[in-house]
Amino acid sequence: MSYNALVAQILLSAPSDLDASHRRIVLDVTRAWNADHGRVYGVHFSIVDWKDNAAAGTGEYAQGVLNEQIVEESDAAIVVFSDRMGTPTPSYPSGTAEEIDQLLTRGRDVAVLRNNCPRRVPENEEQIDQKEALEEYVQTLYSRALVKTYDTSEGLRREVVLVLNFLARKHRREADAGLHQEVGDEEPEVPSLALSAMFREEISEGVWPRLEVTETPELDNKGRVKHKRRWRLVLESTSAHPVSDVAVRFEDGEGNVVTDFDLGRTSGPIARLLAPRATVERPLLQAWQSRSDAMCVVTWTDHLGEARETRASIRTH
């Protein structure tokens, strides 16, 4: 079934050492977010990068061509840094740095994700120089953009979801308030410091759900070993302040409440009060014919008394 949605273009930017599997994770998470959340928020994210979306062109230098084709039209960026700063351009330490500055100058949101996954350390002089240049450059971004790290593939998935959730809320608010510029209006070049501060603050605020599972070996009536899975719903607060009245509900892709995902769900809050950056968990009960995935909607009240909610898709198999 079709639905109306705002389309936001997200630039995926990275030097040449971006792990192919990490690029695929960003693309896959965005595709899944569109399927799971797009109808709810009325927002669709279109990821672009130089590999899939840049065409052959002419210009003074290659990065300038990329800027015209995909960077200047992007509404935000997800940047992934590993060990390399990248190849310098005439005015910047790398093409990636130029893309970041182009977007920040236009008041666009930029999320920088640092890859801390285990890997071979830089060995030769060129690799070490690249690493040192990257570390020095990233330090200049903390006051201008969101900078976070991940050390597992699952961590990368979670950070991308957080970024997309924030951007969806932001674009939805702007559309509802009629703040989008009319076509043909001149785009003001405004510093993004205040906007990025809001980006960093809001993206860190939330009570986020995830599923954890343990397997216990048990003997069936014929003496065979079977592994029984037990699921737990874990709610993790990323807020620096206490939150209260934490409750959950489960929805399908149409936004309808479903009751067959967690047979043990009860009405009322899971936690009356949750400490800063704390977690709370409870068993999630499923039967043989229970649905395997659902949208988990967590409602909670922040320290200012404002009702908030966070959404994430979860699945058992």
Foldseek 3Di string as FASTA:
>chain_A
DDDAAAEAEEEEAEAPPPDPVLVVLLVVLLVVCCQQPCRVLRYHYDYDYCVPFQDDDDDPDDLVSVCVRRLVRHQEYEYEYEQFPDPDDPPGNHSRVVSVVSQQQLQHAYEYEYEPEDDDQDDDPVSVVRNVVVVVVVVVCVQRHHYYYDHDSVRSSVLSLLLVQVVSVVVSVCVVVVNDDDPPDDRDRHHNRVVRVVVNQVSQFAWDKAKDKDWDWDQDPVRDTDTDIWIKIKIWGSHQAKWAFKDKFWAASVRHTDCQQFVPDDDTGPGGIDGHRGMDMDTGDHDPPGDFKTKIKIWIATPVRDIDIDIDIYGDD
